[in-house]
Amino acid sequence: MDDSVVSYKQLKNMLSAHNVQLFDVRNQDEFMAGRIPDSVNIPLSQLEESLKLSPEHFQLQFEVKAPGKDDDNLVFHCQKGRRSAEALAIARQLGFNRARHYQGGYSEWAAHEGKMLLWHSRCHAGLRARRLRVCRPPRTNTEPEG
């Protein structure tokens, strides 16, 4: 396996050992619909500017310690791996040379964890959100509003 990629099992072990800085680069609405425990949401569009913040400003904004450039426990994830690969490239360009990404993303995590997805119908065929509907792949156990 590529050393820049973290598997589900590796991520699970890192989380159990409290030895991971896990950043979810999905949009905030995706993050709110379901997330990996202990992950911090930094949408991909804000990642570069966020990683350039001083450690003090980073901690104020995200309420977690800023990652260090030599940290080997820095992991990005998204839904299916595309955005986290982009996040990894951005981080590496900024000098976070040991950063990695969870290629399976939240989709794989949720499948392993047996989560159920409730997602706005606007996510399907351009429909506007009025109700939540159950979709695949399962992602979260969030209860519907109503």
Protein backbone atom coordinates (compact mmCIF):
# COMPACT_ATOMS: atom_id res chain seq x y z
CA MET A 1 0.00 0.00 0.00
CA ASP A 2 1.16 3.55 -0.78
CA ASP A 3 2.69 5.13 2.34
CA SER A 4 0.55 8.24 1.83
CA VAL A 5 -2.63 6.16 2.25
CA VAL A 6 -4.19 5.10 5.56
CA SER A 7 -6.45 2.03 5.58
CA TYR A 8 -9.66 1.66 7.58
CA LYS A 9 -7.87 -0.62 10.04
CA GLN A 10 -4.94 1.78 10.45
CA LEU A 11 -7.30 4.71 11.02
CA LYS A 12 -9.34 2.72 13.53
CA ASN A 13 -6.13 1.89 15.45
CA MET A 14 -4.95 5.51 15.33
CA LEU A 15 -8.30 6.69 16.69
CA SER A 16 -8.26 4.05 19.46
CA ALA A 17 -4.76 5.16 20.49
CA HIS A 18 -5.76 8.86 20.29
CA ASN A 19 -2.85 9.27 17.90
CA VAL A 20 -4.35 11.03 14.90
CA GLN A 21 -5.05 14.55 13.70
CA LEU A 22 -8.00 13.79 11.44
CA PHE A 23 -9.28 16.51 9.14
CA ASP A 24 -12.49 16.08 7.16
CA VAL A 25 -12.26 18.17 3.98
CA ARG A 26 -15.89 17.70 2.94
CA ASN A 27 -18.32 20.61 2.99
CA GLN A 28 -19.88 21.54 6.32
CA ASP A 29 -23.32 20.11 5.42
CA GLU A 30 -21.74 16.73 4.62
CA PHE A 31 -19.79 16.83 7.88
CA MET A 32 -22.92 17.68 9.89
CA ALA A 33 -24.80 14.79 8.26
CA GLY A 34 -22.26 12.29 9.55
CA ARG A 35 -18.64 12.23 10.58
CA ILE A 36 -15.81 10.06 11.78
CA PRO A 37 -15.34 10.53 15.56
CA ASP A 38 -12.71 13.10 16.55
CA SER A 39 -12.47 14.53 13.03
CA VAL A 40 -12.27 18.28 12.50
CA ASN A 41 -14.00 19.87 9.52
CA ILE A 42 -11.90 22.08 7.25
CA PRO A 43 -13.58 22.24 3.82
CA LEU A 44 -11.13 21.71 0.97
CA SER A 45 -11.72 25.26 -0.28
CA GLN A 46 -10.40 26.61 3.06
CA LEU A 47 -7.60 24.10 3.66
CA GLU A 48 -4.62 25.95 2.20
CA GLU A 49 -5.34 29.19 4.05
CA SER A 50 -6.09 27.23 7.25
CA LEU A 51 -2.80 25.33 7.15
CA LYS A 52 -0.98 28.65 6.73
CA LEU A 53 -2.44 30.05 9.97
CA SER A 54 -0.17 30.52 12.96
CA PRO A 55 -0.51 27.72 15.52
CA GLU A 56 -2.33 30.15 17.84
CA HIS A 57 -4.85 31.24 15.20
CA PHE A 58 -5.37 27.66 14.04
CA GLN A 59 -6.18 26.56 17.59
CA LEU A 60 -8.55 29.51 18.09
CA GLN A 61 -10.39 28.79 14.85
CA PHE A 62 -10.61 24.98 15.04
CA GLU A 63 -10.28 24.31 18.80
CA VAL A 64 -7.52 21.74 18.22
CA LYS A 65 -3.75 21.93 18.20
CA ALA A 66 -2.31 22.97 14.84
CA PRO A 67 -0.58 20.17 12.95
CA GLY A 68 3.19 20.35 12.72
CA LYS A 69 5.05 19.95 9.45
CA ASP A 70 6.84 16.83 10.73
CA ASP A 71 3.77 15.17 12.26
CA ASP A 72 3.22 11.64 10.96
CA ASN A 73 -0.31 11.36 12.34
CA LEU A 74 -1.89 14.03 10.11
CA VAL A 75 -4.69 12.41 8.06
CA PHE A 76 -7.20 13.95 5.65
CA HIS A 77 -10.43 12.33 4.54
CA CYS A 78 -13.48 13.17 2.47
CA GLN A 79 -16.38 11.11 1.13
CA LYS A 80 -14.61 8.76 -1.29
CA GLY A 81 -10.98 9.86 -1.51
CA ARG A 82 -10.82 12.41 -4.33
CA ARG A 83 -10.91 15.58 -2.22
CA SER A 84 -8.63 14.09 0.44
CA ALA A 85 -6.06 13.33 -2.28
CA GLU A 86 -6.27 17.01 -3.27
CA ALA A 87 -5.92 17.98 0.40
CA LEU A 88 -2.85 15.77 0.69
CA ALA A 89 -1.27 17.48 -2.34
CA ILE A 90 -1.96 20.92 -0.82
CA ALA A 91 -0.52 19.89 2.54
CA ARG A 92 2.59 18.39 0.94
CA GLN A 93 3.15 21.59 -1.08
CA LEU A 94 3.05 23.51 2.21
CA GLY A 95 5.70 21.24 3.73
CA PHE A 96 3.54 18.71 5.61
CA ASN A 97 5.59 15.93 4.04
CA ARG A 98 4.43 13.12 6.32
CA ALA A 99 0.70 13.85 5.93
CA ARG A 100 -1.52 11.03 4.65
CA HIS A 101 -5.10 10.49 3.57
CA TYR A 102 -7.80 7.93 4.26
CA GLN A 103 -8.61 6.96 0.69
CA GLY A 104 -11.76 5.01 1.55
CA GLY A 105 -13.29 8.15 3.02
CA TYR A 106 -16.46 8.47 4.99
CA SER A 107 -18.25 6.06 2.63
CA GLU A 108 -15.95 3.20 3.57
CA TRP A 109 -15.93 4.20 7.26
CA ALA A 110 -19.73 4.25 7.42
CA ALA A 111 -19.98 0.90 5.63
CA HIS A 112 -17.63 -0.68 8.20
CA GLU A 113 -19.35 1.03 11.11
CA GLY A 114 -22.88 0.16 9.95
CA LYS A 115 -24.09 3.77 9.87
CA MET A 116 -27.34 4.87 8.22
CA LEU A 117 -27.38 7.94 6.02
CA LEU A 118 -30.04 10.58 6.20
CA TRP A 119 -29.39 13.14 3.54
CA HIS A 120 -31.22 16.11 2.04
CA SER A 121 -33.15 15.22 -1.08
CA ARG A 122 -31.53 18.18 -2.87
CA CYS A 123 -28.44 15.99 -3.13
CA HIS A 124 -30.31 13.81 -5.60
CA ALA A 125 -31.11 14.90 -9.14
CA GLY A 126 -30.96 18.58 -8.19
CA LEU A 127 -34.12 18.44 -6.09
CA ARG A 128 -34.60 21.11 -3.42
CA ALA A 129 -34.47 20.04 0.22
CA ARG A 130 -37.79 19.72 1.95
CA ARG A 131 -37.34 16.38 3.72
CA LEU A 132 -34.59 14.00 4.58
CA ARG A 133 -34.44 10.69 2.81
CA VAL A 134 -32.46 7.52 3.29
CA CYS A 135 -29.76 7.02 0.67
CA ARG A 136 -26.80 4.79 -0.11
CA PRO A 137 -24.06 4.35 0.95
CA PRO A 138 -24.98 4.48 4.62
CA ARG A 139 -23.16 7.32 6.37
CA THR A 140 -24.69 8.43 9.67
CA ASN A 141 -27.22 7.66 12.36
CA THR A 142 -28.51 11.23 12.54
CA GLU A 143 -32.23 11.39 13.25
CA PRO A 144 -34.45 13.23 10.73
CA GLU A 145 -35.80 16.62 11.68
CA GLY A 146 -39.49 16.88 12.16
